């Protein structure tokens, strides 16, 4: 349904020629779009399966934990400092 809505919007807006021109100028974009679509659909399947099997509360805990770990790893890898407010917020969550 998302594909139909996007395509309809492009047709109604007259933007199809711009999209085709962009794809011709940047052929690798199609590969990235396909990869994004596959990983997005796979992620949605994991979300639906987790909620169905374990419930929304477990899913919320999983996602909050994942985001917190992601923030910490990002801070370490890219050398970002975490201020007192950020650390206090993280402590409240956990």
C-alpha atoms as a PDB file:
ATOM      1  CA  UNK A   1       0.000   0.000   0.000  1.00  0.00           C
ATOM      2  CA  UNK A   2       2.896   2.380   0.679  1.00  0.00           C
ATOM      3  CA  UNK A   3       4.225   1.752  -2.827  1.00  0.00           C
ATOM      4  CA  UNK A   4       0.819   2.546  -4.312  1.00  0.00           C
ATOM      5  CA  UNK A   5       0.492   5.744  -2.292  1.00  0.00           C
ATOM      6  CA  UNK A   6       3.986   6.921  -3.210  1.00  0.00           C
ATOM      7  CA  UNK A   7       3.541   6.057  -6.880  1.00  0.00           C
ATOM      8  CA  UNK A   8       0.149   7.772  -6.969  1.00  0.00           C
ATOM      9  CA  UNK A   9       1.619  10.891  -5.416  1.00  0.00           C
ATOM     10  CA  UNK A  10       4.453  10.928  -7.937  1.00  0.00           C
ATOM     11  CA  UNK A  11       2.038  10.484 -10.842  1.00  0.00           C
ATOM     12  CA  UNK A  12      -0.420  13.107  -9.612  1.00  0.00           C
ATOM     13  CA  UNK A  13       2.388  15.539  -8.859  1.00  0.00           C
ATOM     14  CA  UNK A  14       4.023  14.954 -12.238  1.00  0.00           C
ATOM     15  CA  UNK A  15       7.310  13.980 -10.602  1.00  0.00           C
ATOM     16  CA  UNK A  16       7.903  10.629 -12.351  1.00  0.00           C
ATOM     17  CA  UNK A  17      10.250  12.190 -14.971  1.00  0.00           C
ATOM     18  CA  UNK A  18      12.330  13.736 -12.150  1.00  0.00           C
ATOM     19  CA  UNK A  19      12.592  10.372 -10.413  1.00  0.00           C
ATOM     20  CA  UNK A  20      13.637   8.610 -13.625  1.00  0.00           C
ATOM     21  CA  UNK A  21      16.205  11.334 -14.311  1.00  0.00           C
ATOM     22  CA  UNK A  22      17.582  10.961 -10.787  1.00  0.00           C
ATOM     23  CA  UNK A  23      17.874   7.174 -11.142  1.00  0.00           C
ATOM     24  CA  UNK A  24      19.683   7.595 -14.473  1.00  0.00           C
ATOM     25  CA  UNK A  25      22.122  10.073 -12.937  1.00  0.00           C
ATOM     26  CA  UNK A  26      22.640   7.901  -9.826  1.00  0.00           C
ATOM     27  CA  UNK A  27      22.316   4.218 -10.763  1.00  0.00           C
ATOM     28  CA  UNK A  28      23.500   2.937  -7.366  1.00  0.00           C
ATOM     29  CA  UNK A  29      20.454   4.527  -5.714  1.00  0.00           C
ATOM     30  CA  UNK A  30      18.234   1.671  -6.862  1.00  0.00           C
ATOM     31  CA  UNK A  31      20.434  -0.825  -5.029  1.00  0.00           C
ATOM     32  CA  UNK A  32      20.227   1.217  -1.825  1.00  0.00           C
ATOM     33  CA  UNK A  33      16.451   1.590  -2.171  1.00  0.00           C
ATOM     34  CA  UNK A  34      16.042  -2.172  -2.542  1.00  0.00           C
ATOM     35  CA  UNK A  35      18.271  -2.856   0.481  1.00  0.00           C
ATOM     36  CA  UNK A  36      16.335  -0.301   2.532  1.00  0.00           C
ATOM     37  CA  UNK A  37      13.002  -1.849   1.520  1.00  0.00           C
ATOM     38  CA  UNK A  38      14.154  -5.370   2.424  1.00  0.00           C
ATOM     39  CA  UNK A  39      15.613  -4.395   5.795  1.00  0.00           C
ATOM     40  CA  UNK A  40      12.580  -2.252   6.617  1.00  0.00           C
ATOM     41  CA  UNK A  41      10.153  -5.081   5.829  1.00  0.00           C
ATOM     42  CA  UNK A  42      12.271  -7.537   7.820  1.00  0.00           C
ATOM     43  CA  UNK A  43      12.329  -5.167  10.774  1.00  0.00           C
ATOM     44  CA  UNK A  44       8.539  -4.865  10.661  1.00  0.00           C
ATOM     45  CA  UNK A  45       8.236  -8.656  10.708  1.00  0.00           C
ATOM     46  CA  UNK A  46      10.437  -8.813  13.817  1.00  0.00           C
ATOM     47  CA  UNK A  47       8.345  -6.108  15.477  1.00  0.00           C
ATOM     48  CA  UNK A  48       5.043  -7.844  14.757  1.00  0.00           C
ATOM     49  CA  UNK A  49       6.405 -11.241  15.824  1.00  0.00           C
ATOM     50  CA  UNK A  50       7.825  -9.870  19.074  1.00  0.00           C
ATOM     51  CA  UNK A  51       4.567  -8.143  19.982  1.00  0.00           C
ATOM     52  CA  UNK A  52       2.521 -11.213  19.063  1.00  0.00           C
ATOM     53  CA  UNK A  53       4.696 -13.661  21.002  1.00  0.00           C
ATOM     54  CA  UNK A  54       5.731 -11.589  24.017  1.00  0.00           C
ATOM     55  CA  UNK A  55       3.363  -8.602  24.177  1.00  0.00           C
ATOM     56  CA  UNK A  56       3.788  -4.851  23.829  1.00  0.00           C
ATOM     57  CA  UNK A  57       5.429  -4.306  27.216  1.00  0.00           C
ATOM     58  CA  UNK A  58       8.314  -6.659  26.444  1.00  0.00           C
ATOM     59  CA  UNK A  59       8.672  -5.011  23.035  1.00  0.00           C
ATOM     60  CA  UNK A  60       8.839  -1.572  24.655  1.00  0.00           C
ATOM     61  CA  UNK A  61      11.543  -2.746  27.054  1.00  0.00           C
ATOM     62  CA  UNK A  62      13.517  -4.270  24.177  1.00  0.00           C
ATOM     63  CA  UNK A  63      13.330  -1.097  22.098  1.00  0.00           C
ATOM     64  CA  UNK A  64      14.230   1.191  25.005  1.00  0.00           C
ATOM     65  CA  UNK A  65      17.215  -1.002  25.860  1.00  0.00           C
ATOM     66  CA  UNK A  66      18.294  -1.093  22.217  1.00  0.00           C
ATOM     67  CA  UNK A  67      18.153   2.691  21.944  1.00  0.00           C
ATOM     68  CA  UNK A  68      20.108   3.163  25.155  1.00  0.00           C
ATOM     69  CA  UNK A  69      22.815   0.746  24.021  1.00  0.00           C
ATOM     70  CA  UNK A  70      22.913   2.468  20.633  1.00  0.00           C
ATOM     71  CA  UNK A  71      23.400   5.877  22.257  1.00  0.00           C
ATOM     72  CA  UNK A  72      26.193   4.578  24.483  1.00  0.00           C
ATOM     73  CA  UNK A  73      27.993   2.860  21.612  1.00  0.00           C
ATOM     74  CA  UNK A  74      27.646   5.967  19.464  1.00  0.00           C
ATOM     75  CA  UNK A  75      29.065   8.139  22.240  1.00  0.00           C
ATOM     76  CA  UNK A  76      32.039   5.803  22.611  1.00  0.00           C
ATOM     77  CA  UNK A  77      32.760   5.357  18.892  1.00  0.00           C
ATOM     78  CA  UNK A  78      32.356   9.005  17.906  1.00  0.00           C
ATOM     79  CA  UNK A  79      33.743  10.488  21.115  1.00  0.00           C
ATOM     80  CA  UNK A  80      30.571  12.346  22.097  1.00  0.00           C
ATOM     81  CA  UNK A  81      30.336  13.460  25.658  1.00  0.00           C
ATOM     82  CA  UNK A  82      27.194  12.842  27.636  1.00  0.00           C
ATOM     83  CA  UNK A  83      26.215  15.701  29.897  1.00  0.00           C
ATOM     84  CA  UNK A  84      24.806  15.444  33.371  1.00  0.00           C
ATOM     85  CA  UNK A  85      21.243  15.821  32.090  1.00  0.00           C
ATOM     86  CA  UNK A  86      21.734  12.993  29.588  1.00  0.00           C
ATOM     87  CA  UNK A  87      23.206  10.700  32.211  1.00  0.00           C
ATOM     88  CA  UNK A  88      20.408  11.587  34.639  1.00  0.00           C
ATOM     89  CA  UNK A  89      17.821  10.828  31.937  1.00  0.00           C
ATOM     90  CA  UNK A  90      19.457   7.474  31.236  1.00  0.00           C
ATOM     91  CA  UNK A  91      19.464   6.662  34.947  1.00  0.00           C
ATOM     92  CA  UNK A  92      15.743   7.464  35.195  1.00  0.00           C
ATOM     93  CA  UNK A  93      14.954   5.141  32.279  1.00  0.00           C
ATOM     94  CA  UNK A  94      16.846   2.270  33.861  1.00  0.00           C
END
